C-alpha cells in the first residue's frame, strides 16, 4: 500500500512567503517626509522671489508718500517719513482738487465699464457654451484671435470710429471700446461649460421656462464666481489703462487717475515739488485695488469650497 506523497513545503511546517508589512517603519516615513519638504523648497523660494520683485516697488511708493520733499531727494531708504498728512493735503489741493475728479473718472471708467463688460461677456460666453447655431465655432475662433492683438494696435482704429460718431473727448469714448473683451468672453465660455449643466437647462425648458428666464435665474447664479473673476480682471485693466484715455481725451477734468498723474509727472522736470504729488497720488490710487481684491476674494473662496464639494 502506497502512501500519498506531498509536495515539498506543502506541510504545516513549510515556510510561507513573506508578506509586506502594513505600515512603513518610522525611519522610512521620516525620510519620505524630509524628501517631500526638500522638494517644496525650490517652488517656495521662486514664489518668494516673485513676491519680493512685485511688492518692493509698491512698498517704496507707500514709504515715499510719507516723506517730505527734502527727505525724498536726499535719501533712498525704506524708513517712513513724517509728512504723510502734508503730502495728502497737497495732493487734494493741487489744481483746485482735480485729483478727486480724476478718482471719480477712474471709478466710472473702471467700475461701470467693467460691470457692463462682465455682463456682455457672460451673456456671450453662455450663448457660445449652451446654444448650437451655424458658424458658432468659427465665430468663437475669430473672437479668440482678438486675444492675440495688443491693445495699442486697436487704439487708433477705435479713435477713428469714435471720431466718426462724434464721441471723441467724452466719457463714452473710453467706456465703449472696453465693452467687448475677447479674453473675457473666452473665460465666460470656459466657466459656463464647467458650471452650467446642460441637463438642468433641458429640465427648465421642459418645465416651460423661457431662454431669458433660464439665463437670468439659472445661468447667472451658477456663473457668478466666474463673473467676479472677469470683473476683477477688467477692473484692474481699465484702472491701469493709460493709452486709450491718452488718445481719446483732451480735457483734464475727464482724465482718469493714471493719465492725470502722468501729466503731473511730465511737468515735474520744471517744478520738482510735483514729484511728491505724483508719488502720493500713485500710493493713494493703489488703495481701491487692494480694497476690491479683499472684498471679492470671499467669492473665490466660496467657489473653491463648492468645487471641492462637487468633486
Protein backbone atom coordinates (compact mmCIF):
# COMPACT_ATOMS: atom_id res chain seq x y z
CA UNK A 1 0.00 0.00 0.00
CA UNK A 2 1.46 3.24 -1.04
CA UNK A 3 1.13 6.42 0.88
CA UNK A 4 0.38 9.66 -0.87
CA UNK A 5 3.30 11.98 -1.23
CA UNK A 6 3.10 15.63 -0.60
CA UNK A 7 4.95 18.33 -2.41
CA UNK A 8 7.88 19.76 -0.59
CA UNK A 9 6.87 22.68 1.53
CA UNK A 10 3.18 21.80 1.47
CA UNK A 11 3.01 20.64 5.06
CA UNK A 12 2.22 22.61 8.12
CA UNK A 13 5.85 23.26 8.83
CA UNK A 14 6.59 24.69 5.40
CA UNK A 15 7.91 28.25 5.20
CA UNK A 16 5.35 30.76 3.94
CA UNK A 17 6.24 33.66 1.67
CA UNK A 18 6.88 36.92 3.47
CA UNK A 19 4.05 39.42 3.28
CA UNK A 20 4.69 43.15 3.14
CA UNK A 21 4.17 44.96 6.39
CA UNK A 22 1.03 47.02 6.70
CA UNK A 23 2.83 50.13 7.86
CA UNK A 24 6.20 51.52 6.91
CA UNK A 25 8.84 51.87 9.54
CA UNK A 26 9.13 55.21 11.36
CA UNK A 27 12.55 55.75 9.78
CA UNK A 28 11.10 55.32 6.27
CA UNK A 29 8.24 57.70 6.97
CA UNK A 30 10.64 60.28 8.36
CA UNK A 31 12.88 60.01 5.30
CA UNK A 32 9.92 60.37 2.93
CA UNK A 33 8.69 63.41 4.84
CA UNK A 34 12.09 65.06 4.68
CA UNK A 35 12.35 64.39 0.94
CA UNK A 36 8.91 65.90 0.40
CA UNK A 37 9.88 69.01 2.37
CA UNK A 38 13.10 69.41 0.38
CA UNK A 39 11.12 69.14 -2.88
CA UNK A 40 8.98 72.11 -1.81
CA UNK A 41 11.91 74.41 -1.08
CA UNK A 42 12.59 75.45 -4.71
CA UNK A 43 8.94 76.33 -5.63
CA UNK A 44 8.58 78.22 -2.36
CA UNK A 45 11.81 80.12 -2.99
CA UNK A 46 10.68 81.07 -6.51
CA UNK A 47 7.32 82.30 -5.20
CA UNK A 48 9.02 84.38 -2.51
CA UNK A 49 11.39 85.84 -5.08
CA UNK A 50 8.46 86.75 -7.36
CA UNK A 51 6.56 88.31 -4.46
CA UNK A 52 9.64 90.30 -3.47
CA UNK A 53 10.08 91.53 -7.05
CA UNK A 54 6.44 92.67 -7.25
CA UNK A 55 6.00 94.12 -3.76
CA UNK A 56 9.22 96.08 -3.32
CA UNK A 57 8.21 98.88 -5.77
CA UNK A 58 4.79 99.10 -4.10
CA UNK A 59 6.39 99.26 -0.67
CA UNK A 60 8.75 102.01 -1.84
CA UNK A 61 5.86 104.07 -3.24
CA UNK A 62 3.97 103.78 0.06
CA UNK A 63 7.06 104.75 2.07
CA UNK A 64 7.97 107.60 -0.30
CA UNK A 65 4.46 109.04 0.10
CA UNK A 66 5.25 109.65 3.79
CA UNK A 67 8.44 111.64 3.14
CA UNK A 68 8.92 115.35 2.78
CA UNK A 69 10.49 116.84 -0.30
CA UNK A 70 13.91 117.10 1.37
CA UNK A 71 13.78 113.50 2.61
CA UNK A 72 12.63 112.22 -0.76
CA UNK A 73 15.52 113.69 -2.73
CA UNK A 74 18.27 113.33 -0.13
CA UNK A 75 17.93 109.69 0.96
CA UNK A 76 16.85 106.40 -0.55
CA UNK A 77 15.71 104.25 2.35
CA UNK A 78 12.62 102.33 3.37
CA UNK A 79 12.33 104.27 6.60
CA UNK A 80 8.94 106.05 6.74
CA UNK A 81 8.85 109.81 6.92
CA UNK A 82 6.64 112.17 8.91
CA UNK A 83 4.95 114.20 6.16
CA UNK A 84 2.13 111.90 5.05
CA UNK A 85 -0.67 114.25 6.09
CA UNK A 86 1.05 117.24 4.48
CA UNK A 87 1.51 115.29 1.26
CA UNK A 88 -2.16 114.25 1.24
CA UNK A 89 -3.29 117.83 1.76
CA UNK A 90 -1.03 118.99 -1.06
CA UNK A 91 -2.32 116.22 -3.32
CA UNK A 92 -6.01 117.01 -2.88
CA UNK A 93 -5.39 120.75 -3.06
CA UNK A 94 -3.38 120.53 -6.27
CA UNK A 95 -5.05 122.37 -9.17
CA UNK A 96 -8.21 123.07 -7.15
CA UNK A 97 -8.75 119.45 -6.11
CA UNK A 98 -8.51 117.98 -9.58
CA UNK A 99 -7.23 114.68 -8.17
CA UNK A 100 -10.66 113.95 -6.69
CA UNK A 101 -12.23 114.43 -10.12
CA UNK A 102 -9.67 112.08 -11.63
CA UNK A 103 -10.53 109.47 -9.00
CA UNK A 104 -14.24 109.71 -9.82
CA UNK A 105 -13.46 109.38 -13.52
CA UNK A 106 -11.38 106.26 -12.85
CA UNK A 107 -14.21 104.74 -10.84
CA UNK A 108 -16.56 105.47 -13.74
CA UNK A 109 -14.30 104.01 -16.43
CA UNK A 110 -13.17 101.01 -14.39
CA UNK A 111 -16.31 100.33 -12.34
CA UNK A 112 -19.15 100.93 -14.79
CA UNK A 113 -17.12 99.82 -17.79
CA UNK A 114 -16.05 96.57 -16.13
CA UNK A 115 -19.58 95.82 -14.95
CA UNK A 116 -21.01 96.28 -18.45
CA UNK A 117 -18.17 94.27 -19.98
CA UNK A 118 -18.79 91.46 -17.47
CA UNK A 119 -22.49 91.27 -18.36
CA UNK A 120 -21.79 91.31 -22.11
CA UNK A 121 -19.02 88.71 -21.80
CA UNK A 122 -21.14 86.44 -19.58
CA UNK A 123 -24.06 86.52 -21.99
CA UNK A 124 -21.78 85.84 -24.95
CA UNK A 125 -19.91 83.04 -23.19
CA UNK A 126 -23.18 81.42 -22.10
CA UNK A 127 -24.52 81.59 -25.65
CA UNK A 128 -21.37 80.04 -27.11
CA UNK A 129 -21.47 77.31 -24.48
CA UNK A 130 -25.14 76.30 -24.43
CA UNK A 131 -26.53 77.14 -27.87
CA UNK A 132 -25.76 75.45 -31.17
CA UNK A 133 -26.03 77.75 -34.19
CA UNK A 134 -24.40 77.86 -37.62
CA UNK A 135 -20.89 79.25 -37.55
CA UNK A 136 -20.60 79.12 -33.77
CA UNK A 137 -17.11 77.65 -33.66
CA UNK A 138 -15.80 79.84 -36.47
CA UNK A 139 -17.14 82.98 -34.80
CA UNK A 140 -15.68 81.94 -31.47
CA UNK A 141 -12.25 81.37 -33.03
CA UNK A 142 -12.41 84.81 -34.64
CA UNK A 143 -13.18 86.35 -31.26
CA UNK A 144 -10.46 84.29 -29.64
CA UNK A 145 -7.98 85.56 -32.21
CA UNK A 146 -8.60 89.02 -30.78
CA UNK A 147 -6.74 87.93 -27.65
CA UNK A 148 -3.54 87.86 -29.71
CA UNK A 149 -3.87 91.51 -30.74
CA UNK A 150 -2.13 94.05 -28.48
CA UNK A 151 -4.39 96.78 -27.19
CA UNK A 152 -2.23 99.54 -28.66
CA UNK A 153 -2.89 98.27 -32.20
CA UNK A 154 -6.62 98.86 -31.68
CA UNK A 155 -6.36 102.30 -30.11
CA UNK A 156 -6.03 104.24 -33.36
CA UNK A 157 -8.91 102.42 -35.16
CA UNK A 158 -11.06 102.96 -32.07
CA UNK A 159 -10.18 106.64 -32.10
CA UNK A 160 -11.21 106.90 -35.76
CA UNK A 161 -14.52 105.15 -35.05
CA UNK A 162 -15.26 107.41 -32.07
CA UNK A 163 -14.37 110.41 -34.20
CA UNK A 164 -16.83 109.35 -36.90
CA UNK A 165 -19.73 109.27 -34.42
CA UNK A 166 -18.62 112.44 -32.64
CA UNK A 167 -17.75 110.94 -29.24
CA UNK A 168 -14.03 111.74 -29.02
CA UNK A 169 -13.32 113.63 -25.83
CA UNK A 170 -16.37 112.29 -23.96
CA UNK A 171 -16.59 109.63 -21.28
CA UNK A 172 -18.18 107.28 -23.82
CA UNK A 173 -15.01 107.30 -25.91
CA UNK A 174 -13.27 105.45 -23.07
CA UNK A 175 -16.23 103.33 -21.92
CA UNK A 176 -17.48 101.90 -25.23
CA UNK A 177 -14.21 100.35 -26.53
CA UNK A 178 -13.91 98.36 -23.32
CA UNK A 179 -17.32 96.70 -23.51
CA UNK A 180 -16.08 93.86 -25.71
CA UNK A 181 -13.20 91.77 -24.38
CA UNK A 182 -12.23 88.61 -26.30
CA UNK A 183 -10.41 87.18 -23.30
CA UNK A 184 -13.40 87.79 -21.01
CA UNK A 185 -15.71 86.05 -23.49
CA UNK A 186 -13.32 83.12 -23.61
CA UNK A 187 -13.25 82.86 -19.80
CA UNK A 188 -17.04 83.10 -19.64
CA UNK A 189 -17.48 80.25 -22.11
CA UNK A 190 -14.98 78.03 -20.31
CA UNK A 191 -16.69 78.68 -16.99
CA UNK A 192 -20.15 78.10 -18.46
CA UNK A 193 -19.00 74.74 -19.86
CA UNK A 194 -17.82 73.70 -16.40
CA UNK A 195 -20.52 75.14 -14.14
CA UNK A 196 -23.83 75.14 -16.03
CA UNK A 197 -25.02 71.55 -16.64
CA UNK A 198 -26.94 71.02 -19.85
CA UNK A 199 -29.37 68.68 -18.03
CA UNK A 200 -30.58 71.49 -15.77
CA UNK A 201 -31.22 73.74 -18.76
CA UNK A 202 -33.16 70.99 -20.54
CA UNK A 203 -35.23 70.38 -17.41
CA UNK A 204 -36.08 74.07 -17.23
CA UNK A 205 -37.11 74.08 -20.88
CA UNK A 206 -39.34 71.06 -20.31
CA UNK A 207 -40.96 72.92 -17.41
CA UNK A 208 -41.78 75.76 -19.81
CA UNK A 209 -39.17 78.34 -18.80
CA UNK A 210 -38.08 80.79 -21.48
CA UNK A 211 -34.48 81.24 -22.53
CA UNK A 212 -34.14 84.65 -20.88
CA UNK A 213 -35.53 83.34 -17.63
CA UNK A 214 -33.22 80.32 -17.75
CA UNK A 215 -30.24 82.60 -18.26
CA UNK A 216 -31.14 85.04 -15.50
CA UNK A 217 -32.32 82.53 -12.88
CA UNK A 218 -30.06 79.55 -13.61
CA UNK A 219 -27.11 80.61 -15.77
CA UNK A 220 -26.13 83.84 -13.99
CA UNK A 221 -26.17 82.44 -10.42
CA UNK A 222 -24.08 79.43 -11.45
CA UNK A 223 -21.62 81.62 -13.34
CA UNK A 224 -21.36 84.26 -10.61
CA UNK A 225 -17.88 83.26 -9.32
CA UNK A 226 -16.61 83.36 -12.90
CA UNK A 227 -18.22 86.77 -13.35
CA UNK A 228 -16.36 88.01 -10.28
CA UNK A 229 -13.07 86.91 -11.85
CA UNK A 230 -13.91 88.62 -15.13
CA UNK A 231 -14.95 91.81 -13.33
CA UNK A 232 -11.74 91.89 -11.31
CA UNK A 233 -9.51 91.40 -14.34
CA UNK A 234 -11.38 94.04 -16.33
CA UNK A 235 -11.38 96.48 -13.43
CA UNK A 236 -7.63 96.23 -12.95
CA UNK A 237 -7.04 96.55 -16.69
CA UNK A 238 -9.32 99.58 -17.01
CA UNK A 239 -7.93 101.22 -13.87
CA UNK A 240 -4.38 100.97 -15.22
CA UNK A 241 -5.24 101.77 -18.84
CA UNK A 242 -3.27 104.80 -19.98
CA UNK A 243 -3.09 104.63 -23.76
CA UNK A 244 -6.80 104.77 -24.61
CA UNK A 245 -7.64 107.80 -22.39
CA UNK A 246 -4.45 109.50 -23.60
CA UNK A 247 -5.64 109.22 -27.20
CA UNK A 248 -9.33 109.89 -26.64
CA UNK A 249 -9.36 112.70 -24.06
CA UNK A 250 -8.11 116.26 -24.17
CA UNK A 251 -9.95 117.82 -21.22
CA UNK A 252 -8.07 117.34 -17.93
CA UNK A 253 -11.33 117.19 -15.99
CA UNK A 254 -12.15 113.92 -17.78
CA UNK A 255 -8.77 112.28 -17.15
CA UNK A 256 -8.50 109.09 -15.07
CA UNK A 257 -6.01 108.97 -12.22
CA UNK A 258 -3.13 107.40 -14.14
CA UNK A 259 -3.34 109.88 -17.02
CA UNK A 260 -3.66 112.80 -14.62
CA UNK A 261 -0.60 111.66 -12.67
CA UNK A 262 1.27 111.20 -15.94
CA UNK A 263 0.65 114.83 -16.82
CA UNK A 264 1.72 115.90 -13.33
CA UNK A 265 4.90 113.84 -13.58
CA UNK A 266 5.69 115.23 -17.03
CA UNK A 267 5.60 118.74 -15.55
CA UNK A 268 7.81 117.72 -12.63
CA UNK A 269 11.04 118.39 -14.50
CA UNK A 270 10.31 122.10 -14.33
CA UNK A 271 8.68 122.02 -10.89
CA UNK A 272 10.25 119.37 -8.61
CA UNK A 273 7.51 119.74 -5.99
CA UNK A 274 5.14 117.93 -8.36
CA UNK A 275 7.12 114.71 -7.93
CA UNK A 276 5.79 114.44 -4.39
CA UNK A 277 2.24 114.99 -5.66
CA UNK A 278 2.67 112.25 -8.27
CA UNK A 279 4.14 109.78 -5.77
CA UNK A 280 1.46 110.39 -3.16
CA UNK A 281 -1.25 110.17 -5.79
CA UNK A 282 0.15 106.86 -7.00
CA UNK A 283 0.13 105.46 -3.47
CA UNK A 284 -3.47 106.55 -2.94
CA UNK A 285 -4.54 105.06 -6.29
CA UNK A 286 -3.44 101.59 -5.13
CA UNK A 287 -5.93 101.55 -2.25
CA UNK A 288 -9.11 100.92 -4.34
CA UNK A 289 -7.48 97.89 -5.99
CA UNK A 290 -6.48 96.43 -2.62
CA UNK A 291 -9.94 97.05 -1.18
CA UNK A 292 -11.64 95.47 -4.18
CA UNK A 293 -9.41 92.39 -4.05
CA UNK A 294 -10.06 91.90 -0.33
CA UNK A 295 -13.81 92.31 -0.86
CA UNK A 296 -14.09 89.92 -3.82
CA UNK A 297 -11.84 87.14 -2.52
CA UNK A 298 -14.72 85.70 -0.49
CA UNK A 299 -16.44 84.71 -3.73
CA UNK A 300 -13.33 82.91 -4.99
CA UNK A 301 -13.05 81.08 -1.68
CA UNK A 302 -16.71 80.11 -1.87
CA UNK A 303 -16.22 78.84 -5.41
CA UNK A 304 -13.25 76.68 -4.39
CA UNK A 305 -15.24 75.22 -1.48
CA UNK A 306 -18.24 74.43 -3.66
CA UNK A 307 -15.95 72.88 -6.29
CA UNK A 308 -14.46 70.62 -3.64
CA UNK A 309 -17.91 69.58 -2.50
CA UNK A 310 -18.93 68.78 -6.09
CA UNK A 311 -15.78 66.73 -6.55
